[in-house]
Amino acid sequence: MNNYLVKPDIERYCSDMTSEEPELLKELIETTNREMDYPIKLSGKQVGRTLKLLTAISQARTVLEIGMFTGYSALSMAEGLPEDGKVVCCESNPRAIEFAKRFFDRSPHGKKIEVHFGQALNTIATLKQSFDIVFIDADKRNYFNYLKATLPLVNDGGLIIIDNALWQGQVIDPQDDKDRAIDDMNRFIHESDTLENCFLSVRDGLNVVRKLSSI
């Protein structure tokens, strides 16, 4: 499946005109493409730089990531955190965790990352702390469940950032459980009185949501 909804030349131009990511992240992308199944799961440069920028300008200190894969987005957000910041990652693929930790160990920001192995909804149920940012990029059938489970953990004024929110355009005419779960989530966000959002057509859709008040 093509992960882009705009013309490739426009996508390339936008990428070229975006600030460069660290060399280690470029190597992570190359190694993921070479060694891992389904490398399309990578967030990629534009999403990664957006995450880093939002983390920095929001002055976040704590981040929860649902779906870490090989660690590109985790390292991107860790880069935007202060030295005592933390990214808590949920990941169910042990091979992906082993891969990611190789790069965390080589990054000056890797010490900010804490990985929890297991099903994300189970991990979320055990978390006691609150978060300034939640990033959702895991199995699509559970997208709405992830949103509902993490909203109580998000600080007022905090962000929920959801990748693949356009789901290859399938949300326009949902046909299966994945399509419907993402569409239901997007509609819930749009209709909520306690959330505000900007739905960006970056790559496969990035829904940037701000929590206005306690839920």
Protein backbone atom coordinates (compact mmCIF):
# COMPACT_ATOMS: atom_id res chain seq x y z
CA MET A 1 0.00 0.00 0.00
CA ASN A 2 1.18 3.52 -0.77
CA ASN A 3 1.47 5.47 2.46
CA TYR A 4 1.08 8.88 0.78
CA LEU A 5 -2.05 10.69 -0.33
CA VAL A 6 -0.44 13.61 -2.19
CA LYS A 7 1.66 13.52 -5.34
CA PRO A 8 5.10 11.93 -4.77
CA ASP A 9 6.95 14.99 -6.08
CA ILE A 10 5.08 17.24 -3.65
CA GLU A 11 5.76 14.76 -0.84
CA ARG A 12 9.48 14.80 -1.71
CA TYR A 13 9.55 18.61 -1.82
CA CYS A 14 7.91 18.88 1.60
CA SER A 15 10.38 16.35 3.00
CA ASP A 16 13.35 18.14 1.43
CA MET A 17 12.21 21.47 2.89
CA THR A 18 11.76 20.02 6.40
CA SER A 19 14.56 20.25 8.97
CA GLU A 20 16.89 17.27 8.89
CA GLU A 21 16.63 14.55 11.50
CA PRO A 22 19.78 13.31 13.30
CA GLU A 23 22.03 10.91 11.37
CA LEU A 24 21.18 8.13 13.83
CA LEU A 25 17.51 8.35 12.83
CA LYS A 26 18.44 8.16 9.16
CA GLU A 27 20.43 5.02 9.95
CA LEU A 28 17.46 3.65 11.90
CA ILE A 29 15.24 4.05 8.84
CA GLU A 30 17.77 2.35 6.57
CA THR A 31 18.28 -0.55 8.99
CA THR A 32 14.55 -0.98 9.55
CA ASN A 33 14.00 -1.21 5.78
CA ARG A 34 16.76 -3.80 5.54
CA GLU A 35 16.06 -5.97 8.59
CA MET A 36 12.42 -5.68 9.65
CA ASP A 37 9.08 -6.79 8.24
CA TYR A 38 6.55 -4.09 7.39
CA PRO A 39 8.95 -1.10 7.45
CA ILE A 40 6.03 1.03 6.27
CA LYS A 41 5.10 1.18 9.98
CA LEU A 42 7.85 3.77 10.43
CA SER A 43 6.54 7.27 11.11
CA GLY A 44 9.05 8.84 8.72
CA LYS A 45 10.79 12.19 8.59
CA GLN A 46 7.82 14.58 8.32
CA VAL A 47 5.82 12.95 11.10
CA GLY A 48 8.97 12.53 13.20
CA ARG A 49 9.98 16.18 12.89
CA THR A 50 6.38 17.22 13.62
CA LEU A 51 6.42 15.13 16.80
CA LYS A 52 9.77 16.57 17.88
CA LEU A 53 8.56 20.11 17.22
CA LEU A 54 5.23 19.67 19.04
CA THR A 55 7.00 18.06 22.00
CA ALA A 56 9.44 20.96 22.24
CA ILE A 57 7.04 23.87 21.77
CA SER A 58 4.45 22.39 24.17
CA GLN A 59 7.22 22.09 26.80
CA ALA A 60 6.11 18.53 27.47
CA ARG A 61 7.89 16.50 30.13
CA THR A 62 6.06 13.18 29.87
CA VAL A 63 4.99 11.28 26.76
CA LEU A 64 3.06 8.03 26.28
CA GLU A 65 3.54 6.23 22.97
CA ILE A 66 1.11 3.52 21.89
CA GLY A 67 2.98 1.44 19.30
CA MET A 68 6.74 2.00 19.28
CA PHE A 69 7.86 -0.30 16.41
CA THR A 70 11.61 0.30 15.87
CA GLY A 71 11.83 3.49 17.90
CA TYR A 72 11.93 6.29 15.31
CA SER A 73 9.04 8.28 16.76
CA ALA A 74 10.12 7.59 20.37
CA LEU A 75 13.57 9.02 19.68
CA SER A 76 12.03 11.96 17.81
CA MET A 77 9.87 12.90 20.80
CA ALA A 78 12.66 12.22 23.30
CA GLU A 79 14.77 14.71 21.34
CA GLY A 80 12.18 17.41 22.10
CA LEU A 81 12.03 16.65 25.84
CA PRO A 82 14.18 18.21 28.57
CA GLU A 83 16.95 16.10 30.10
CA ASP A 84 14.65 14.80 32.85
CA GLY A 85 11.75 14.07 30.46
CA LYS A 86 10.38 10.59 29.83
CA VAL A 87 8.76 8.70 26.95
CA VAL A 88 6.83 5.61 28.08
CA CYS A 89 6.43 3.22 25.12
CA CYS A 90 3.97 0.34 24.69
CA GLU A 91 5.06 -2.35 22.23
CA SER A 92 3.95 -5.98 21.75
CA ASN A 93 6.64 -7.08 19.26
CA PRO A 94 9.74 -8.35 21.12
CA ARG A 95 11.87 -8.23 17.96
CA ALA A 96 10.97 -4.58 17.43
CA ILE A 97 11.86 -3.81 21.06
CA GLU A 98 15.26 -5.50 20.72
CA PHE A 99 15.90 -3.57 17.51
CA ALA A 100 14.85 -0.22 19.01
CA LYS A 101 17.00 -0.62 22.10
CA ARG A 102 20.11 -0.94 19.92
CA PHE A 103 19.47 2.60 18.73
CA PHE A 104 18.32 3.93 22.11
CA ASP A 105 21.67 2.82 23.56
CA ARG A 106 23.49 4.90 20.94
CA SER A 107 21.40 8.07 21.32
CA PRO A 108 21.94 10.81 23.91
CA HIS A 109 18.14 10.79 24.29
CA GLY A 110 17.75 7.04 24.74
CA LYS A 111 17.95 7.32 28.53
CA LYS A 112 14.63 9.18 28.46
CA ILE A 113 12.79 6.16 26.98
CA GLU A 114 11.08 3.43 29.02
CA VAL A 115 9.66 0.43 27.14
CA HIS A 116 6.75 -1.74 28.34
CA PHE A 117 6.29 -5.07 26.57
CA GLY A 118 2.74 -6.37 26.15
CA GLN A 119 -0.68 -5.43 24.86
CA ALA A 120 -1.04 -1.66 25.09
CA LEU A 121 -4.51 -1.63 26.69
CA ASN A 122 -3.21 -3.87 29.48
CA THR A 123 -0.19 -1.64 30.01
CA ILE A 124 -2.30 1.52 30.01
CA ALA A 125 -4.48 0.07 32.78
CA THR A 126 -1.41 -0.21 35.05
CA LEU A 127 -0.10 3.32 34.54
CA LYS A 128 -0.42 5.70 37.48
CA GLN A 129 1.23 8.83 36.11
CA SER A 130 -0.22 11.52 33.86
CA PHE A 131 1.14 12.63 30.49
CA ASP A 132 1.57 15.83 28.54
CA ILE A 133 1.47 14.03 25.18
CA VAL A 134 0.01 10.74 23.98
CA PHE A 135 1.04 9.47 20.54
CA ILE A 136 -1.15 6.70 19.05
CA ASP A 137 0.27 4.59 16.22
CA ALA A 138 -0.62 0.93 16.82
CA ASP A 139 -3.25 -1.60 15.65
CA LYS A 140 -6.02 0.32 13.97
CA ARG A 141 -8.98 -1.72 15.24
CA ASN A 142 -8.19 -0.45 18.74
CA TYR A 143 -7.59 3.21 17.87
CA PHE A 144 -10.81 4.43 19.47
CA ASN A 145 -10.17 2.19 22.50
CA TYR A 146 -6.68 3.66 22.89
CA LEU A 147 -8.08 7.16 22.77
CA LYS A 148 -10.74 6.43 25.40
CA ALA A 149 -8.25 4.62 27.64
CA THR A 150 -5.61 7.35 27.54
CA LEU A 151 -7.76 10.48 27.75
CA PRO A 152 -8.03 10.27 31.57
CA LEU A 153 -4.21 10.14 31.75
CA VAL A 154 -3.67 13.29 29.66
CA ASN A 155 -3.07 16.50 31.59
CA ASP A 156 -5.43 19.39 30.89
CA GLY A 157 -3.96 21.27 27.96
CA GLY A 158 -2.07 18.17 26.89
CA LEU A 159 -1.92 16.73 23.38
CA ILE A 160 -3.08 13.49 21.80
CA ILE A 161 -1.42 12.96 18.42
CA ILE A 162 -2.83 10.21 16.19
CA ASP A 163 -0.96 8.88 13.16
CA ASN A 164 -2.62 7.21 10.14
CA ALA A 165 -5.83 9.05 10.95
CA LEU A 166 -6.76 9.13 7.25
CA TRP A 167 -5.98 5.42 6.85
CA GLN A 168 -5.25 5.60 3.12
CA GLY A 169 -8.49 7.53 2.65
CA GLN A 170 -10.56 4.55 3.83
CA VAL A 171 -12.24 6.74 6.47
CA ILE A 172 -14.18 8.47 3.70
CA ASP A 173 -16.20 5.29 3.05
CA PRO A 174 -15.47 2.82 5.88
CA GLN A 175 -15.70 -0.83 4.84
CA ASP A 176 -14.22 -2.88 7.69
CA ASP A 177 -13.50 -2.78 11.42
CA LYS A 178 -10.27 -0.83 11.03
CA ASP A 179 -11.87 1.80 8.81
CA ARG A 180 -14.82 2.21 11.14
CA ALA A 181 -12.70 2.37 14.31
CA ILE A 182 -10.62 5.24 12.95
CA ASP A 183 -13.63 7.07 11.51
CA ASP A 184 -15.55 6.68 14.80
CA MET A 185 -12.56 8.07 16.70
CA ASN A 186 -12.17 11.05 14.35
CA ARG A 187 -15.87 11.86 14.62
CA PHE A 188 -15.80 11.58 18.41
CA ILE A 189 -12.92 14.05 18.54
CA HIS A 190 -14.65 16.45 16.16
CA GLU A 191 -17.91 16.39 18.14
CA SER A 192 -16.37 16.59 21.63
CA ASP A 193 -16.87 19.71 23.76
CA THR A 194 -13.72 18.98 25.77
CA LEU A 195 -11.31 18.49 22.87
CA GLU A 196 -10.06 20.73 20.10
CA ASN A 197 -8.11 19.50 17.12
CA CYS A 198 -6.45 20.20 13.83
CA PHE A 199 -6.59 17.31 11.37
CA LEU A 200 -3.48 17.52 9.19
CA SER A 201 -3.16 15.75 5.85
CA VAL A 202 0.50 15.01 6.56
CA ARG A 203 1.54 11.67 5.06
CA ASP A 204 -1.34 9.31 6.04
CA GLY A 205 -3.11 11.86 8.24
CA LEU A 206 -2.07 13.30 11.60
CA ASN A 207 -4.89 14.25 13.98
CA VAL A 208 -3.49 16.68 16.55
CA VAL A 209 -5.85 16.97 19.54
CA ARG A 210 -5.70 19.17 22.66
CA LYS A 211 -7.53 18.22 25.85
CA LEU A 212 -9.33 21.27 27.18
CA SER A 213 -10.59 20.00 30.53
CA SER A 214 -10.78 16.96 32.77
CA ILE A 215 -12.82 14.05 31.45
